């Protein structure tokens, strides 16, 4: 059975795993990411690759930034300031002697769901990643990931919510619906500072103040989902992030979406299904494997 070296490159940790065709994680580990030095980070990649050379079909990476996933060319790198117009995959292939695939981290999470999870066999769908400081995601059209003309399709963070506030960012999707926003809304209702883990615990315990703050958050999220749906006309939205592990949260998000669609003046927009992702911990590494197999093995 074929095996692949898959890396999830984040701002704090560089996670790696050996994953086979059945998505069994045979071996895994992590190192701390070097953010500000390309040579040192690529040396980390090279050292990890040496350990598994000859055992795997190749190396596949999930990284932040705007990436041409067909060629592995990186136009930008998110938290990696030195990533600008770099032939990322080509350079790694030269250094490691391996086949290399590179994909954007949000789109890697989408690939996991397209290939093996909640977006499998969905013709038109959306993945929303509800993160600490922003909203990542991806759009699926006719069963394929939409890259966009500049590989930036699915950058939902920058959607504006109110035309009257264009000089600021408080109405942006990233600001209105990230996890910091949820924590602020719930903290205000509770009269004390709350983090996401405390909020999830409060929801499971049916704490009325936590529920009130979360309802306000879900109403905001419902409006942005409605706006995206007006453009995409998706069958299904799939949500990921730490909050989606709590069943009460998913119920409340669905209720928030219901409120938005019920209040809409024009009833011509189809209300999509809202579901949790199948994959959590290894999602981006699974998605990177799917991308590698598409690129080099014709995986469909």
Protein backbone atom coordinates (compact mmCIF):
# COMPACT_ATOMS: atom_id res chain seq x y z
CA UNK A 1 0.00 0.00 0.00
CA UNK A 2 1.31 3.44 -0.95
CA UNK A 3 2.48 5.84 1.76
CA UNK A 4 2.87 9.61 1.74
CA UNK A 5 4.78 12.14 3.84
CA UNK A 6 2.28 14.88 4.70
CA UNK A 7 3.12 18.15 6.47
CA UNK A 8 0.82 20.72 8.08
CA UNK A 9 2.89 23.90 8.38
CA UNK A 10 1.39 26.29 10.93
CA UNK A 11 2.55 29.44 12.68
CA UNK A 12 3.68 27.50 15.78
CA UNK A 13 4.15 23.87 14.81
CA UNK A 14 5.30 21.97 11.76
CA UNK A 15 3.35 18.72 12.02
CA UNK A 16 4.22 15.72 9.87
CA UNK A 17 2.80 12.25 9.38
CA UNK A 18 3.18 9.15 7.27
CA UNK A 19 -0.28 8.40 5.88
CA UNK A 20 -1.30 5.50 3.66
CA UNK A 21 -4.00 5.20 0.99
CA UNK A 22 -6.56 4.14 3.61
CA UNK A 23 -5.82 7.30 5.64
CA UNK A 24 -4.15 5.35 8.42
CA UNK A 25 -1.65 7.56 10.26
CA UNK A 26 1.32 5.22 10.57
CA UNK A 27 3.71 7.66 12.23
CA UNK A 28 3.54 11.30 13.25
CA UNK A 29 5.46 14.04 15.01
CA UNK A 30 6.07 17.76 15.09
CA UNK A 31 8.77 20.39 15.30
CA UNK A 32 8.50 24.08 16.13
CA UNK A 33 8.15 26.20 13.01
CA UNK A 34 10.83 28.69 12.00
CA UNK A 35 8.84 31.65 10.66
CA UNK A 36 11.37 34.25 9.57
CA UNK A 37 14.07 32.33 7.69
CA UNK A 38 13.46 30.39 4.48
CA UNK A 39 16.75 28.51 4.55
CA UNK A 40 16.22 27.25 8.10
CA UNK A 41 12.63 26.18 7.40
CA UNK A 42 13.60 24.41 4.18
CA UNK A 43 16.41 22.69 6.07
CA UNK A 44 13.75 21.40 8.49
CA UNK A 45 11.76 20.05 5.55
CA UNK A 46 14.87 18.44 4.09
CA UNK A 47 15.79 16.73 7.36
CA UNK A 48 12.27 15.29 7.77
CA UNK A 49 12.25 14.12 4.15
CA UNK A 50 15.58 12.28 4.59
CA UNK A 51 14.07 10.09 7.32
CA UNK A 52 11.47 8.68 4.93
CA UNK A 53 13.21 8.83 1.55
CA UNK A 54 12.48 5.65 -0.41
CA UNK A 55 9.56 4.71 1.85
CA UNK A 56 7.00 7.20 0.53
CA UNK A 57 5.60 8.24 -2.85
CA UNK A 58 6.46 11.85 -2.13
CA UNK A 59 6.04 14.85 0.11
CA UNK A 60 2.90 17.01 0.31
CA UNK A 61 2.50 20.23 2.29
CA UNK A 62 -0.35 22.37 3.58
CA UNK A 63 0.84 25.96 4.07
CA UNK A 64 -0.79 29.39 4.53
CA UNK A 65 -0.85 31.87 1.67
CA UNK A 66 -1.89 32.29 -1.94
CA UNK A 67 -0.69 29.19 -3.78
CA UNK A 68 -0.92 27.96 -7.37
CA UNK A 69 -1.62 24.39 -6.35
CA UNK A 70 -1.00 22.93 -9.80
CA UNK A 71 2.61 24.11 -9.84
CA UNK A 72 3.27 24.68 -6.13
CA UNK A 73 4.21 28.31 -6.77
CA UNK A 74 3.67 30.52 -3.68
CA UNK A 75 2.64 34.13 -4.30
CA UNK A 76 2.38 34.92 -0.59
CA UNK A 77 2.77 33.04 2.69
CA UNK A 78 0.49 34.46 5.35
CA UNK A 79 2.50 34.37 8.60
CA UNK A 80 5.70 33.68 6.61
CA UNK A 81 6.77 37.20 5.53
CA UNK A 82 9.54 36.02 3.20
CA UNK A 83 7.18 34.00 0.99
CA UNK A 84 6.68 36.12 -2.11
CA UNK A 85 6.73 34.70 -5.64
CA UNK A 86 8.62 31.51 -4.72
CA UNK A 87 8.61 28.23 -6.72
CA UNK A 88 8.04 26.43 -3.41
CA UNK A 89 7.42 22.89 -4.67
CA UNK A 90 10.18 23.06 -7.27
CA UNK A 91 12.78 24.17 -4.71
CA UNK A 92 11.76 21.45 -2.26
CA UNK A 93 11.82 18.78 -4.96
CA UNK A 94 15.38 19.78 -5.86
CA UNK A 95 16.48 19.64 -2.22
CA UNK A 96 14.75 16.38 -1.27
CA UNK A 97 14.76 14.37 -4.49
CA UNK A 98 11.05 13.68 -3.93
CA UNK A 99 7.88 14.49 -5.79
CA UNK A 100 6.41 17.49 -3.96
CA UNK A 101 2.91 18.98 -3.83
CA UNK A 102 1.97 22.21 -2.06
CA UNK A 103 -1.49 23.53 -1.27
CA UNK A 104 -3.11 26.33 0.71
CA UNK A 105 -4.05 25.24 4.24
CA UNK A 106 -7.77 26.10 4.04
CA UNK A 107 -8.05 24.39 0.68
CA UNK A 108 -6.23 21.35 2.10
CA UNK A 109 -8.95 21.07 4.75
CA UNK A 110 -11.50 21.33 1.93
CA UNK A 111 -9.72 18.59 -0.05
CA UNK A 112 -10.06 16.25 2.94
CA UNK A 113 -13.82 16.82 2.96
CA UNK A 114 -14.11 16.65 -0.86
CA UNK A 115 -12.13 13.44 -1.10
CA UNK A 116 -13.21 11.58 1.99
CA UNK A 117 -15.67 13.59 4.13
CA UNK A 118 -18.72 15.86 4.29
CA UNK A 119 -18.25 17.33 0.80
CA UNK A 120 -17.75 14.02 -1.00
CA UNK A 121 -20.16 13.75 -3.95
CA UNK A 122 -21.42 17.30 -3.27
CA UNK A 123 -21.59 19.17 -6.57
CA UNK A 124 -21.66 22.71 -5.15
CA UNK A 125 -20.55 23.42 -1.59
CA UNK A 126 -18.67 25.70 0.78
CA UNK A 127 -16.19 25.05 3.59
CA UNK A 128 -15.94 27.70 6.32
CA UNK A 129 -13.05 27.51 8.78
CA UNK A 130 -13.99 29.51 11.89
CA UNK A 131 -10.59 30.52 13.25
CA UNK A 132 -9.21 32.65 16.06
CA UNK A 133 -8.45 35.70 13.96
CA UNK A 134 -10.18 35.10 10.64
CA UNK A 135 -12.37 32.98 8.39
CA UNK A 136 -10.69 30.58 6.00
CA UNK A 137 -12.48 28.44 3.50
CA UNK A 138 -13.06 27.09 0.05
CA UNK A 139 -15.75 26.95 -2.63
CA UNK A 140 -16.63 23.80 -4.57
CA UNK A 141 -18.27 24.28 -7.98
CA UNK A 142 -19.33 21.32 -10.14
CA UNK A 143 -17.41 19.00 -7.83
CA UNK A 144 -14.12 20.88 -8.16
CA UNK A 145 -12.32 23.29 -5.88
CA UNK A 146 -12.59 26.85 -7.17
CA UNK A 147 -9.16 28.51 -7.20
CA UNK A 148 -10.08 31.84 -8.81
CA UNK A 149 -8.09 33.92 -11.28
CA UNK A 150 -5.44 34.75 -8.64
CA UNK A 151 -5.82 31.58 -6.52
CA UNK A 152 -7.65 33.56 -3.81
CA UNK A 153 -11.19 32.14 -4.06
CA UNK A 154 -12.51 31.34 -0.59
CA UNK A 155 -10.81 34.25 1.18
CA UNK A 156 -14.02 34.90 3.11
CA UNK A 157 -12.37 37.00 5.82
CA UNK A 158 -12.59 40.14 3.70
CA UNK A 159 -16.32 40.08 2.93
CA UNK A 160 -17.94 43.36 4.02
CA UNK A 161 -21.10 43.17 6.10
CA UNK A 162 -22.26 46.80 6.15
CA UNK A 163 -21.66 49.34 3.39
CA UNK A 164 -21.73 52.22 5.92
CA UNK A 165 -18.53 51.05 7.66
CA UNK A 166 -16.13 50.59 4.77
CA UNK A 167 -13.43 52.76 6.38
CA UNK A 168 -13.08 50.32 9.29
CA UNK A 169 -12.99 46.55 9.63
CA UNK A 170 -15.63 45.90 12.30
CA UNK A 171 -18.17 44.79 9.70
CA UNK A 172 -15.77 42.41 7.93
CA UNK A 173 -16.57 38.71 8.17
CA UNK A 174 -13.19 38.06 9.82
CA UNK A 175 -13.83 40.62 12.55
CA UNK A 176 -17.53 39.93 13.09
CA UNK A 177 -17.41 36.13 13.20
CA UNK A 178 -13.98 34.95 14.31
CA UNK A 179 -13.50 33.21 17.64
CA UNK A 180 -12.31 36.40 19.31
CA UNK A 181 -15.67 37.94 18.41
CA UNK A 182 -17.57 34.99 19.89
CA UNK A 183 -15.55 35.29 23.10
CA UNK A 184 -16.21 39.05 23.30
CA UNK A 185 -19.97 38.66 22.82
CA UNK A 186 -20.26 35.92 25.44
CA UNK A 187 -17.96 37.75 27.87
CA UNK A 188 -20.20 40.80 27.64
CA UNK A 189 -23.30 38.75 28.50
CA UNK A 190 -21.54 36.89 31.33
CA UNK A 191 -19.88 39.94 32.84
CA UNK A 192 -16.50 38.22 32.90
CA UNK A 193 -13.81 37.24 30.40
CA UNK A 194 -14.60 33.94 28.67
CA UNK A 195 -12.50 31.87 26.27
CA UNK A 196 -13.75 29.43 23.64
CA UNK A 197 -13.22 26.37 25.85
CA UNK A 198 -15.26 27.94 28.66
CA UNK A 199 -17.95 28.86 26.15
CA UNK A 200 -18.20 25.28 24.89
CA UNK A 201 -18.47 24.04 28.48
CA UNK A 202 -21.15 26.65 29.19
CA UNK A 203 -23.16 25.56 26.17
CA UNK A 204 -23.06 21.90 27.24
CA UNK A 205 -24.27 23.00 30.70
CA UNK A 206 -27.05 25.20 29.20
CA UNK A 207 -25.71 28.39 30.84
CA UNK A 208 -28.26 31.10 29.91
CA UNK A 209 -25.72 33.93 29.58
CA UNK A 210 -23.42 31.84 27.39
CA UNK A 211 -26.39 30.86 25.23
CA UNK A 212 -27.49 34.50 24.86
CA UNK A 213 -24.05 35.64 23.68
CA UNK A 214 -23.70 32.65 21.37
CA UNK A 215 -27.11 33.32 19.81
CA UNK A 216 -25.96 36.81 18.85
CA UNK A 217 -22.82 35.35 17.28
CA UNK A 218 -24.85 32.75 15.36
CA UNK A 219 -27.17 35.44 14.02
CA UNK A 220 -24.14 37.29 12.63
CA UNK A 221 -22.78 34.10 11.10
CA UNK A 222 -26.18 33.35 9.56
CA UNK A 223 -26.15 36.67 7.71
CA UNK A 224 -22.74 36.02 6.15
CA UNK A 225 -23.74 32.47 5.18
CA UNK A 226 -26.84 33.93 3.52
CA UNK A 227 -24.70 36.44 1.59
CA UNK A 228 -22.32 33.74 0.36
CA UNK A 229 -25.26 31.53 -0.57
CA UNK A 230 -26.67 34.30 -2.78
CA UNK A 231 -23.54 33.97 -4.91
CA UNK A 232 -22.72 30.26 -4.71
CA UNK A 233 -26.13 28.52 -4.43
CA UNK A 234 -24.50 25.65 -2.53
CA UNK A 235 -26.11 22.38 -1.51
CA UNK A 236 -24.12 22.27 1.71
CA UNK A 237 -21.95 24.44 3.95
CA UNK A 238 -19.43 22.52 6.04
CA UNK A 239 -18.02 24.23 9.13
CA UNK A 240 -14.72 23.50 10.86
CA UNK A 241 -13.02 24.89 13.94
CA UNK A 242 -12.87 24.01 17.62
CA UNK A 243 -16.44 25.20 18.23
CA UNK A 244 -17.95 22.70 15.82
CA UNK A 245 -17.00 19.85 18.17
CA UNK A 246 -19.83 20.93 20.49
CA UNK A 247 -23.23 19.61 19.21
CA UNK A 248 -25.13 22.49 20.86
CA UNK A 249 -23.04 24.97 18.87
CA UNK A 250 -23.92 23.32 15.57
CA UNK A 251 -27.61 23.35 16.55
CA UNK A 252 -27.40 27.06 17.38
CA UNK A 253 -25.61 27.87 14.12
CA UNK A 254 -28.39 26.11 12.22
CA UNK A 255 -30.95 28.12 14.19
CA UNK A 256 -29.08 31.34 13.37
CA UNK A 257 -29.11 30.45 9.67
CA UNK A 258 -32.83 29.65 9.91
CA UNK A 259 -33.56 33.06 11.43
CA UNK A 260 -31.72 34.82 8.62
CA UNK A 261 -33.49 32.93 5.85
CA UNK A 262 -36.89 33.34 7.52
CA UNK A 263 -36.41 37.11 7.86
CA UNK A 264 -35.19 37.57 4.28
CA UNK A 265 -37.60 39.72 2.30
CA UNK A 266 -37.21 37.69 -0.86
CA UNK A 267 -37.64 33.93 -0.48
CA UNK A 268 -35.79 32.96 -3.64
CA UNK A 269 -32.55 31.81 -2.05
CA UNK A 270 -32.28 28.10 -1.21
CA UNK A 271 -31.37 27.41 2.43
CA UNK A 272 -28.32 25.10 2.31
CA UNK A 273 -27.62 22.22 4.62
CA UNK A 274 -25.18 23.09 7.44
CA UNK A 275 -22.91 20.30 8.67
CA UNK A 276 -19.78 19.71 10.71
CA UNK A 277 -16.60 18.46 9.06
CA UNK A 278 -15.74 14.76 9.28
CA UNK A 279 -12.04 15.43 9.87
CA UNK A 280 -10.57 17.54 12.65
CA UNK A 281 -7.05 16.85 13.93
CA UNK A 282 -5.48 15.54 10.71
CA UNK A 283 -7.77 17.30 8.21
CA UNK A 284 -5.12 19.36 6.43
CA UNK A 285 -2.69 16.44 6.22
CA UNK A 286 -5.39 14.18 4.77
CA UNK A 287 -6.31 16.91 2.30
CA UNK A 288 -2.69 17.38 1.29
CA UNK A 289 -2.49 13.64 0.54
CA UNK A 290 -5.63 13.89 -1.59
CA UNK A 291 -4.09 16.82 -3.48
CA UNK A 292 -0.84 14.89 -4.06
CA UNK A 293 -2.79 11.90 -5.41
CA UNK A 294 -4.80 14.16 -7.72
CA UNK A 295 -1.66 15.82 -8.99
CA UNK A 296 0.55 12.78 -9.51
CA UNK A 297 -1.77 9.75 -9.58
CA UNK A 298 -4.97 11.02 -11.18
CA UNK A 299 -7.08 10.55 -8.04
CA UNK A 300 -10.72 11.54 -8.66
